PDB file of all heavy atoms in Angstrom:
ATOM      1  N   PHE A   1       0.840  -1.201   0.000  1.00  0.00           N
ATOM      2  CA  PHE A   1       0.000   0.000   0.000  1.00  0.00           C
ATOM      3  C   PHE A   1       0.873   1.249   0.000  1.00  0.00           C
ATOM      4  O   PHE A   1       2.078   1.187   0.250  1.00  0.00           O
ATOM      5  CB  PHE A   1      -0.964   0.027   1.204  1.00  0.00           C
ATOM      6  CG  PHE A   1      -0.308   0.161   2.561  1.00  0.00           C
ATOM      7  CD1 PHE A   1       0.162   1.388   3.023  1.00  0.00           C
ATOM      8  CD2 PHE A   1      -0.169  -0.957   3.399  1.00  0.00           C
ATOM      9  CE1 PHE A   1       0.756   1.509   4.286  1.00  0.00           C
ATOM     10  CE2 PHE A   1       0.424  -0.846   4.654  1.00  0.00           C
ATOM     11  CZ  PHE A   1       0.889   0.400   5.097  1.00  0.00           C
ATOM     12  N   CYS A   2       0.239   2.384  -0.312  1.00  0.00           N
ATOM     13  CA  CYS A   2       0.899   3.684  -0.195  1.00  0.00           C
ATOM     14  C   CYS A   2       0.035   4.513   0.734  1.00  0.00           C
ATOM     15  O   CYS A   2      -1.183   4.580   0.556  1.00  0.00           O
ATOM     16  CB  CYS A   2       0.984   4.348  -1.574  1.00  0.00           C
ATOM     17  SG  CYS A   2       1.563   6.058  -1.463  1.00  0.00           S
ATOM     18  N   SER A   3       0.665   5.112   1.728  1.00  0.00           N
ATOM     19  CA  SER A   3      -0.082   5.893   2.714  1.00  0.00           C
ATOM     20  C   SER A   3       0.306   7.371   2.615  1.00  0.00           C
ATOM     21  O   SER A   3       1.443   7.738   2.862  1.00  0.00           O
ATOM     22  CB  SER A   3       0.221   5.363   4.117  1.00  0.00           C
ATOM     23  OG  SER A   3      -0.383   6.178   5.077  1.00  0.00           O
ATOM     24  N   THR A   4      -0.684   8.196   2.190  1.00  0.00           N
ATOM     25  CA  THR A   4      -0.466   9.638   2.113  1.00  0.00           C
ATOM     26  C   THR A   4      -1.084  10.253   3.348  1.00  0.00           C
ATOM     27  O   THR A   4      -2.297  10.147   3.555  1.00  0.00           O
ATOM     28  CB  THR A   4      -1.136  10.201   0.841  1.00  0.00           C
ATOM     29  OG1 THR A   4      -0.454   9.665  -0.283  1.00  0.00           O
ATOM     30  CG2 THR A   4      -1.051  11.711   0.798  1.00  0.00           C
ATOM     31  N   LEU A   5      -0.262  10.883   4.161  1.00  0.00           N
ATOM     32  CA  LEU A   5      -0.754  11.406   5.437  1.00  0.00           C
ATOM     33  C   LEU A   5      -1.067  12.897   5.354  1.00  0.00           C
ATOM     34  O   LEU A   5      -2.024  13.368   5.946  1.00  0.00           O
ATOM     35  CB  LEU A   5       0.281  11.156   6.537  1.00  0.00           C
ATOM     36  CG  LEU A   5       0.673   9.678   6.723  1.00  0.00           C
ATOM     37  CD1 LEU A   5       1.796   9.559   7.726  1.00  0.00           C
ATOM     38  CD2 LEU A   5      -0.523   8.854   7.165  1.00  0.00           C
ATOM     39  N   SER A   6      -0.236  13.634   4.608  1.00  0.00           N
ATOM     40  CA  SER A   6      -0.406  15.077   4.538  1.00  0.00           C
ATOM     41  C   SER A   6       0.434  15.604   3.377  1.00  0.00           C
ATOM     42  O   SER A   6       1.439  14.997   3.015  1.00  0.00           O
ATOM     43  CB  SER A   6       0.053  15.682   5.867  1.00  0.00           C
ATOM     44  OG  SER A   6       0.805  16.851   5.670  1.00  0.00           O
ATOM     45  N   PRO A   7       0.044  16.751   2.791  1.00  0.00           N
ATOM     46  CA  PRO A   7       0.833  17.305   1.674  1.00  0.00           C
ATOM     47  C   PRO A   7       2.262  17.671   2.088  1.00  0.00           C
ATOM     48  O   PRO A   7       3.150  17.754   1.246  1.00  0.00           O
ATOM     49  CB  PRO A   7       0.065  18.570   1.281  1.00  0.00           C
ATOM     50  CG  PRO A   7      -1.279  18.449   1.905  1.00  0.00           C
ATOM     51  CD  PRO A   7      -1.136  17.579   3.103  1.00  0.00           C
ATOM     52  N   LYS A   8       2.469  17.873   3.400  1.00  0.00           N
ATOM     53  CA  LYS A   8       3.802  18.292   3.873  1.00  0.00           C
ATOM     54  C   LYS A   8       4.733  17.107   4.120  1.00  0.00           C
ATOM     55  O   LYS A   8       5.901  17.279   4.444  1.00  0.00           O
ATOM     56  CB  LYS A   8       3.654  19.094   5.178  1.00  0.00           C
ATOM     57  CG  LYS A   8       2.912  20.414   4.967  1.00  0.00           C
ATOM     58  CD  LYS A   8       2.622  21.102   6.276  1.00  0.00           C
ATOM     59  CE  LYS A   8       1.818  22.384   6.038  1.00  0.00           C
ATOM     60  NZ  LYS A   8       1.275  22.929   7.267  1.00  0.00           N
ATOM     61  N   ILE A   9       4.196  15.879   4.029  1.00  0.00           N
ATOM     62  CA  ILE A   9       4.997  14.692   4.348  1.00  0.00           C
ATOM     63  C   ILE A   9       5.058  13.777   3.120  1.00  0.00           C
ATOM     64  O   ILE A   9       4.023  13.460   2.527  1.00  0.00           O
ATOM     65  CB  ILE A   9       4.377  13.916   5.543  1.00  0.00           C
ATOM     66  CG1 ILE A   9       4.359  14.794   6.799  1.00  0.00           C
ATOM     67  CG2 ILE A   9       5.110  12.611   5.805  1.00  0.00           C
ATOM     68  CD1 ILE A   9       3.467  14.280   7.906  1.00  0.00           C
ATOM     69  N   THR A  10       6.264  13.369   2.744  1.00  0.00           N
ATOM     70  CA  THR A  10       6.420  12.426   1.628  1.00  0.00           C
ATOM     71  C   THR A  10       5.671  11.137   1.982  1.00  0.00           C
ATOM     72  O   THR A  10       5.803  10.634   3.107  1.00  0.00           O
ATOM     73  CB  THR A  10       7.923  12.130   1.403  1.00  0.00           C
ATOM     74  OG1 THR A  10       8.556  13.365   1.058  1.00  0.00           O
ATOM     75  CG2 THR A  10       8.147  11.130   0.294  1.00  0.00           C
ATOM     76  N   PRO A  11       4.871  10.580   1.038  1.00  0.00           N
ATOM     77  CA  PRO A  11       4.089   9.370   1.354  1.00  0.00           C
ATOM     78  C   PRO A  11       4.978   8.200   1.799  1.00  0.00           C
ATOM     79  O   PRO A  11       6.172   8.146   1.474  1.00  0.00           O
ATOM     80  CB  PRO A  11       3.403   9.040   0.023  1.00  0.00           C
ATOM     81  CG  PRO A  11       3.383  10.328  -0.713  1.00  0.00           C
ATOM     82  CD  PRO A  11       4.622  11.058  -0.321  1.00  0.00           C
ATOM     83  N   TYR A  12       4.364   7.269   2.513  1.00  0.00           N
ATOM     84  CA  TYR A  12       5.033   6.034   2.957  1.00  0.00           C
ATOM     85  C   TYR A  12       4.522   4.878   2.098  1.00  0.00           C
ATOM     86  O   TYR A  12       3.321   4.793   1.810  1.00  0.00           O
ATOM     87  CB  TYR A  12       4.724   5.754   4.433  1.00  0.00           C
ATOM     88  CG  TYR A  12       5.488   6.650   5.379  1.00  0.00           C
ATOM     89  CD1 TYR A  12       5.003   7.917   5.692  1.00  0.00           C
ATOM     90  CD2 TYR A  12       6.694   6.242   5.946  1.00  0.00           C
ATOM     91  CE1 TYR A  12       5.712   8.759   6.552  1.00  0.00           C
ATOM     92  CE2 TYR A  12       7.403   7.082   6.805  1.00  0.00           C
ATOM     93  CZ  TYR A  12       6.904   8.331   7.102  1.00  0.00           C
ATOM     94  OH  TYR A  12       7.609   9.153   7.944  1.00  0.00           O
ATOM     95  N   VAL A  13       5.448   3.996   1.712  1.00  0.00           N
ATOM     96  CA  VAL A  13       5.094   2.871   0.841  1.00  0.00           C
ATOM     97  C   VAL A  13       5.505   1.556   1.502  1.00  0.00           C
ATOM     98  O   VAL A  13       6.622   1.452   2.017  1.00  0.00           O
ATOM     99  CB  VAL A  13       5.787   3.017  -0.542  1.00  0.00           C
ATOM    100  CG1 VAL A  13       5.676   1.728  -1.350  1.00  0.00           C
ATOM    101  CG2 VAL A  13       5.174   4.187  -1.322  1.00  0.00           C
ATOM    102  N   LEU A  14       4.590   0.591   1.511  1.00  0.00           N
ATOM    103  CA  LEU A  14       4.913  -0.746   2.026  1.00  0.00           C
ATOM    104  C   LEU A  14       4.767  -1.752   0.887  1.00  0.00           C
ATOM    105  O   LEU A  14       3.750  -1.755   0.173  1.00  0.00           O
ATOM    106  CB  LEU A  14       3.975  -1.107   3.184  1.00  0.00           C
ATOM    107  CG  LEU A  14       4.172  -2.498   3.808  1.00  0.00           C
ATOM    108  CD1 LEU A  14       4.025  -2.437   5.330  1.00  0.00           C
ATOM    109  CD2 LEU A  14       3.167  -3.523   3.255  1.00  0.00           C
ATOM    110  N   VAL A  15       5.807  -2.588   0.682  1.00  0.00           N
ATOM    111  CA  VAL A  15       5.733  -3.705  -0.267  1.00  0.00           C
ATOM    112  C   VAL A  15       6.379  -4.921   0.398  1.00  0.00           C
ATOM    113  O   VAL A  15       7.137  -4.783   1.354  1.00  0.00           O
ATOM    114  CB  VAL A  15       6.458  -3.400  -1.613  1.00  0.00           C
ATOM    115  CG1 VAL A  15       5.724  -2.366  -2.426  1.00  0.00           C
ATOM    116  CG2 VAL A  15       7.909  -2.994  -1.410  1.00  0.00           C
ATOM    117  N   ASN A  16       6.067  -6.096  -0.107  1.00  0.00           N
ATOM    118  CA  ASN A  16       6.738  -7.331   0.338  1.00  0.00           C
ATOM    119  C   ASN A  16       7.428  -7.893  -0.893  1.00  0.00           C
ATOM    120  O   ASN A  16       6.800  -8.581  -1.711  1.00  0.00           O
ATOM    121  CB  ASN A  16       5.708  -8.315   0.909  1.00  0.00           C
ATOM    122  CG  ASN A  16       5.275  -7.926   2.310  1.00  0.00           C
ATOM    123  OD1 ASN A  16       5.961  -8.195   3.279  1.00  0.00           O
ATOM    124  ND2 ASN A  16       4.127  -7.258   2.407  1.00  0.00           N
ATOM    125  N   PHE A  17       8.698  -7.560  -1.059  1.00  0.00           N
ATOM    126  CA  PHE A  17       9.398  -7.824  -2.321  1.00  0.00           C
ATOM    127  C   PHE A  17      10.047  -9.201  -2.324  1.00  0.00           C
ATOM    128  O   PHE A  17      10.918  -9.489  -1.513  1.00  0.00           O
ATOM    129  CB  PHE A  17      10.453  -6.746  -2.568  1.00  0.00           C
ATOM    130  CG  PHE A  17      11.025  -6.775  -3.951  1.00  0.00           C
ATOM    131  CD1 PHE A  17      10.410  -6.093  -4.985  1.00  0.00           C
ATOM    132  CD2 PHE A  17      12.180  -7.511  -4.232  1.00  0.00           C
ATOM    133  CE1 PHE A  17      10.923  -6.130  -6.278  1.00  0.00           C
ATOM    134  CE2 PHE A  17      12.701  -7.560  -5.520  1.00  0.00           C
ATOM    135  CZ  PHE A  17      12.073  -6.863  -6.542  1.00  0.00           C
ATOM    136  N   THR A  18       9.617 -10.067  -3.267  1.00  0.00           N
ATOM    137  CA  THR A  18      10.190 -11.427  -3.343  1.00  0.00           C
ATOM    138  C   THR A  18      11.015 -11.638  -4.616  1.00  0.00           C
ATOM    139  O   THR A  18      11.607 -12.698  -4.806  1.00  0.00           O
ATOM    140  CB  THR A  18       9.078 -12.508  -3.314  1.00  0.00           C
ATOM    141  OG1 THR A  18       8.280 -12.364  -4.492  1.00  0.00           O
ATOM    142  CG2 THR A  18       8.193 -12.372  -2.086  1.00  0.00           C
ATOM    143  N   GLY A  19      11.009 -10.634  -5.530  1.00  0.00           N
ATOM    144  CA  GLY A  19      11.840 -10.770  -6.731  1.00  0.00           C
ATOM    145  C   GLY A  19      11.113 -11.258  -7.970  1.00  0.00           C
ATOM    146  O   GLY A  19      11.721 -11.460  -9.019  1.00  0.00           O
ATOM    147  N   LYS A  20       9.800 -11.466  -7.867  1.00  0.00           N
ATOM    148  CA  LYS A  20       9.028 -11.890  -9.047  1.00  0.00           C
ATOM    149  C   LYS A  20       8.699 -10.645  -9.889  1.00  0.00           C
ATOM    150  O   LYS A  20       8.645  -9.528  -9.371  1.00  0.00           O
ATOM    151  CB  LYS A  20       7.713 -12.568  -8.627  1.00  0.00           C
ATOM    152  CG  LYS A  20       7.922 -13.843  -7.834  1.00  0.00           C
ATOM    153  CD  LYS A  20       8.190 -15.019  -8.772  1.00  0.00           C
ATOM    154  CE  LYS A  20       8.477 -16.307  -8.021  1.00  0.00           C
ATOM    155  NZ  LYS A  20       9.891 -16.560  -7.796  1.00  0.00           N
ATOM    156  N   SER A  21       8.409 -10.849 -11.188  1.00  0.00           N
ATOM    157  CA  SER A  21       8.099  -9.690 -12.046  1.00  0.00           C
ATOM    158  C   SER A  21       6.870  -8.952 -11.510  1.00  0.00           C
ATOM    159  O   SER A  21       6.779  -7.731 -11.568  1.00  0.00           O
ATOM    160  CB  SER A  21       7.876 -10.129 -13.498  1.00  0.00           C
ATOM    161  OG  SER A  21       6.688 -10.870 -13.620  1.00  0.00           O
ATOM    162  N   ARG A  22       5.928  -9.703 -10.921  1.00  0.00           N
ATOM    163  CA  ARG A  22       4.717  -9.093 -10.341  1.00  0.00           C
ATOM    164  C   ARG A  22       5.097  -8.086  -9.234  1.00  0.00           C
ATOM    165  O   ARG A  22       4.444  -7.059  -9.065  1.00  0.00           O
ATOM    166  CB  ARG A  22       3.829 -10.205  -9.777  1.00  0.00           C
ATOM    167  CG  ARG A  22       2.385  -9.820  -9.596  1.00  0.00           C
ATOM    168  CD  ARG A  22       1.578 -11.046  -9.189  1.00  0.00           C
ATOM    169  NE  ARG A  22       1.045 -11.758 -10.318  1.00  0.00           N
ATOM    170  CZ  ARG A  22      -0.130 -11.467 -10.892  1.00  0.00           C
ATOM    171  NH1 ARG A  22      -0.857 -10.495 -10.427  1.00  0.00           N
ATOM    172  NH2 ARG A  22      -0.577 -12.159 -11.913  1.00  0.00           N
ATOM    173  N   ASP A  23       6.169  -8.406  -8.476  1.00  0.00           N
ATOM    174  CA  ASP A  23       6.619  -7.504  -7.396  1.00  0.00           C
ATOM    175  C   ASP A  23       7.167  -6.187  -7.947  1.00  0.00           C
ATOM    176  O   ASP A  23       7.033  -5.141  -7.323  1.00  0.00           O
ATOM    177  CB  ASP A  23       7.712  -8.168  -6.546  1.00  0.00           C
ATOM    178  CG  ASP A  23       7.194  -9.368  -5.772  1.00  0.00           C
ATOM    179  OD1 ASP A  23       6.002  -9.370  -5.436  1.00  0.00           O
ATOM    180  OD2 ASP A  23       7.971 -10.303  -5.522  1.00  0.00           O
ATOM    181  N   VAL A  24       7.824  -6.274  -9.122  1.00  0.00           N
ATOM    182  CA  VAL A  24       8.369  -5.057  -9.738  1.00  0.00           C
ATOM    183  C   VAL A  24       7.197  -4.149 -10.151  1.00  0.00           C
ATOM    184  O   VAL A  24       7.231  -2.936  -9.955  1.00  0.00           O
ATOM    185  CB  VAL A  24       9.271  -5.385 -10.962  1.00  0.00           C
ATOM    186  CG1 VAL A  24      10.011  -4.138 -11.412  1.00  0.00           C
ATOM    187  CG2 VAL A  24      10.255  -6.494 -10.633  1.00  0.00           C
ATOM    188  N   PHE A  25       6.133  -4.768 -10.691  1.00  0.00           N
ATOM    189  CA  PHE A  25       4.957  -3.985 -11.094  1.00  0.00           C
ATOM    190  C   PHE A  25       4.213  -3.429  -9.873  1.00  0.00           C
ATOM    191  O   PHE A  25       3.691  -2.318  -9.914  1.00  0.00           O
ATOM    192  CB  PHE A  25       4.024  -4.825 -11.978  1.00  0.00           C
ATOM    193  CG  PHE A  25       4.515  -4.913 -13.397  1.00  0.00           C
ATOM    194  CD1 PHE A  25       5.311  -5.974 -13.809  1.00  0.00           C
ATOM    195  CD2 PHE A  25       4.238  -3.910 -14.304  1.00  0.00           C
ATOM    196  CE1 PHE A  25       5.812  -6.033 -15.104  1.00  0.00           C
ATOM    197  CE2 PHE A  25       4.718  -3.960 -15.606  1.00  0.00           C
ATOM    198  CZ  PHE A  25       5.509  -5.020 -16.015  1.00  0.00           C
ATOM    199  N   THR A  26       4.201  -4.203  -8.787  1.00  0.00           N
ATOM    200  CA  THR A  26       3.571  -3.708  -7.543  1.00  0.00           C
ATOM    201  C   THR A  26       4.332  -2.486  -7.029  1.00  0.00           C
ATOM    202  O   THR A  26       3.736  -1.504  -6.583  1.00  0.00           O
ATOM    203  CB  THR A  26       3.562  -4.831  -6.466  1.00  0.00           C
ATOM    204  OG1 THR A  26       2.804  -5.922  -6.976  1.00  0.00           O
ATOM    205  CG2 THR A  26       2.947  -4.348  -5.166  1.00  0.00           C
ATOM    206  N   LEU A  27       5.661  -2.551  -7.118  1.00  0.00           N
ATOM    207  CA  LEU A  27       6.505  -1.421  -6.697  1.00  0.00           C
ATOM    208  C   LEU A  27       6.164  -0.183  -7.540  1.00  0.00           C
ATOM    209  O   LEU A  27       5.962   0.918  -7.004  1.00  0.00           O
ATOM    210  CB  LEU A  27       7.986  -1.798  -6.853  1.00  0.00           C
ATOM    211  CG  LEU A  27       9.018  -0.804  -6.337  1.00  0.00           C
ATOM    212  CD1 LEU A  27       8.910  -0.626  -4.824  1.00  0.00           C
ATOM    213  CD2 LEU A  27      10.434  -1.264  -6.700  1.00  0.00           C
ATOM    214  N   ALA A  28       6.044  -0.381  -8.859  1.00  0.00           N
ATOM    215  CA  ALA A  28       5.705   0.738  -9.758  1.00  0.00           C
ATOM    216  C   ALA A  28       4.319   1.285  -9.408  1.00  0.00           C
ATOM    217  O   ALA A  28       4.092   2.502  -9.403  1.00  0.00           O
ATOM    218  CB  ALA A  28       5.737   0.266 -11.209  1.00  0.00           C
ATOM    219  N   HIS A  29       3.387   0.375  -9.099  1.00  0.00           N
ATOM    220  CA  HIS A  29       2.005   0.756  -8.776  1.00  0.00           C
ATOM    221  C   HIS A  29       1.963   1.642  -7.529  1.00  0.00           C
ATOM    222  O   HIS A  29       1.384   2.734  -7.538  1.00  0.00           O
ATOM    223  CB  HIS A  29       1.184  -0.527  -8.556  1.00  0.00           C
ATOM    224  CG  HIS A  29      -0.260  -0.290  -8.293  1.00  0.00           C
ATOM    225  ND1 HIS A  29      -1.214  -0.385  -9.278  1.00  0.00           N
ATOM    226  CD2 HIS A  29      -0.934   0.047  -7.158  1.00  0.00           C
ATOM    227  CE1 HIS A  29      -2.410  -0.119  -8.759  1.00  0.00           C
ATOM    228  NE2 HIS A  29      -2.261   0.139  -7.471  1.00  0.00           N
TER     229      HIS A  29
END
């Protein structure tokens, strides 16, 4: 997920990266 808290704070991103091509697309998403 990507969590946007406020315009003054850079968003936070959580991924569970295993190295599959699907994970690269999830990262881009």
